[in-house]
Amino acid sequence: MIVRILKGRVQPGQVAVFREQAVQVLNDARQRDGLVHAQLGRQVHSDGAEEIVFVSVWLSLEDLYRWVGSTDLLATPVLGNGRPNVFDHFEVQHYETYESAGADGLELGKSAAATATPGSGY
């Protein structure tokens, strides 16, 4: 399985735009084959900005590629679609999960995530 984590700071004047985009992205992701879970969390700042984290878990790297629409996880943002840039900054990271190998330890899952390059797209 692949865990995709996007963290970023939404500009104070862009929070409403971001929320609209986030609902669309969550709804789209939740309709996709291969999605295990997707959730968005926020931390509100006194200046009106929001620090966000968007976590999605995918059965395989191929499922994530289909959702993103590309194998280039660095250059293909999922949130945006030509809308104004809502972030002061953001980063995206991808992790391959450990799968239980029994009492003697853990082993990496059987996906191709080890070949993925962490990126900055949503």
Protein backbone atom coordinates (compact mmCIF):
# COMPACT_ATOMS: atom_id res chain seq x y z
CA MET A 1 0.00 0.00 0.00
CA ILE A 2 1.00 3.59 -0.56
CA VAL A 3 0.42 6.43 1.90
CA ARG A 4 0.35 9.90 0.30
CA ILE A 5 0.67 12.88 2.65
CA LEU A 6 0.29 16.47 1.57
CA LYS A 7 1.00 19.18 4.11
CA GLY A 8 0.68 22.86 3.44
CA ARG A 9 -0.30 26.29 4.63
CA VAL A 10 -3.38 27.79 2.96
CA GLN A 11 -3.23 31.56 2.54
CA PRO A 12 -5.68 33.48 4.77
CA GLY A 13 -7.69 34.85 1.85
CA GLN A 14 -7.84 31.49 0.08
CA VAL A 15 -9.34 29.25 2.77
CA ALA A 16 -12.84 29.23 1.23
CA VAL A 17 -11.42 28.43 -2.23
CA PHE A 18 -9.30 25.67 -0.75
CA ARG A 19 -12.24 24.13 1.10
CA GLU A 20 -14.25 23.99 -2.12
CA GLN A 21 -11.35 22.34 -3.93
CA ALA A 22 -10.71 19.94 -1.05
CA VAL A 23 -14.32 18.70 -1.05
CA GLN A 24 -14.08 18.02 -4.78
CA VAL A 25 -10.75 16.20 -4.39
CA LEU A 26 -12.02 14.09 -1.49
CA ASN A 27 -15.19 13.17 -3.36
CA ASP A 28 -13.19 12.26 -6.46
CA ALA A 29 -10.66 10.18 -4.52
CA ARG A 30 -13.40 8.33 -2.64
CA GLN A 31 -14.92 7.22 -5.96
CA ARG A 32 -11.65 5.65 -7.18
CA ASP A 33 -10.78 1.99 -7.20
CA GLY A 34 -7.80 1.30 -5.01
CA LEU A 35 -8.45 3.98 -2.40
CA VAL A 36 -8.37 2.59 1.13
CA HIS A 37 -8.90 5.88 2.98
CA ALA A 38 -8.71 9.65 2.44
CA GLN A 39 -8.99 12.35 5.07
CA LEU A 40 -8.24 16.05 5.39
CA GLY A 41 -7.34 17.76 8.65
CA ARG A 42 -6.69 21.40 9.46
CA GLN A 43 -5.17 23.61 12.11
CA VAL A 44 -6.51 27.18 12.14
CA HIS A 45 -4.03 30.00 12.71
CA SER A 46 -4.75 33.39 14.27
CA ASP A 47 -4.02 35.20 10.98
CA GLY A 48 -6.81 33.26 9.23
CA ALA A 49 -4.49 30.86 7.45
CA GLU A 50 -4.89 27.10 7.86
CA GLU A 51 -2.23 24.44 8.06
CA ILE A 52 -3.65 21.36 6.36
CA VAL A 53 -2.76 17.72 6.01
CA PHE A 54 -4.36 15.53 3.36
CA VAL A 55 -3.73 11.82 3.84
CA SER A 56 -4.73 9.15 1.37
CA VAL A 57 -3.94 5.45 1.41
CA TRP A 58 -3.89 3.48 -1.84
CA LEU A 59 -3.72 -0.26 -2.49
CA SER A 60 -0.99 0.21 -5.08
CA LEU A 61 1.18 2.79 -6.74
CA GLU A 62 -0.70 2.10 -9.97
CA ASP A 63 -3.99 3.09 -8.29
CA LEU A 64 -2.38 6.35 -7.15
CA TYR A 65 -1.04 6.99 -10.67
CA ARG A 66 -4.54 6.54 -12.11
CA TRP A 67 -5.99 9.04 -9.63
CA VAL A 68 -3.22 11.59 -10.19
CA GLY A 69 -3.37 11.03 -13.95
CA SER A 70 0.37 10.60 -14.37
CA THR A 71 3.36 8.62 -13.19
CA ASP A 72 5.14 11.90 -12.40
CA LEU A 73 4.11 12.49 -8.81
CA LEU A 74 6.38 15.57 -8.65
CA ALA A 75 4.80 17.55 -11.47
CA THR A 76 1.14 16.49 -11.35
CA PRO A 77 -0.93 18.29 -8.73
CA VAL A 78 -4.36 16.83 -8.02
CA LEU A 79 -5.66 19.95 -6.30
CA GLY A 80 -5.63 23.04 -8.43
CA ASN A 81 -7.22 22.35 -11.79
CA GLY A 82 -6.28 25.82 -13.02
CA ARG A 83 -7.62 27.59 -9.93
CA PRO A 84 -5.65 30.18 -7.97
CA ASN A 85 -2.73 28.91 -5.96
CA VAL A 86 -4.15 28.64 -2.46
CA PHE A 87 -0.95 27.64 -0.68
CA ASP A 88 1.85 29.71 0.79
CA HIS A 89 3.81 26.45 0.65
CA PHE A 90 3.16 22.73 0.52
CA GLU A 91 4.94 19.41 0.23
CA VAL A 92 3.90 15.92 -0.75
CA GLN A 93 5.47 12.69 0.38
CA HIS A 94 4.75 9.09 -0.55
CA TYR A 95 5.43 6.07 1.64
CA GLU A 96 5.24 2.37 1.01
CA THR A 97 3.68 0.64 4.01
CA TYR A 98 5.16 -2.17 6.00
CA GLU A 99 3.10 -5.33 5.85
CA SER A 100 3.05 -7.85 8.66
CA ALA A 101 5.43 -10.75 8.00
CA GLY A 102 4.51 -12.65 11.13
CA ALA A 103 6.18 -12.87 14.52
CA ASP A 104 9.72 -12.47 13.15
CA GLY A 105 9.29 -8.91 11.89
CA LEU A 106 8.05 -6.68 9.10
CA GLU A 107 8.64 -6.58 5.37
CA LEU A 108 7.89 -3.99 2.73
CA GLY A 109 4.61 -4.35 0.88
CA LYS A 110 4.61 -5.82 -2.62
CA SER A 111 3.94 -2.56 -4.50
CA ALA A 112 6.24 -0.56 -6.75
CA ALA A 113 6.44 2.41 -4.36
CA ALA A 114 10.16 2.05 -3.90
CA THR A 115 10.52 3.43 -7.43
CA ALA A 116 8.32 6.46 -6.77
CA THR A 117 9.94 9.81 -6.26
CA PRO A 118 8.47 11.93 -3.45
CA GLY A 119 7.03 15.09 -4.93
CA SER A 120 5.11 18.25 -4.63
CA GLY A 121 1.72 17.82 -6.19
CA TYR A 122 -1.67 17.30 -4.65
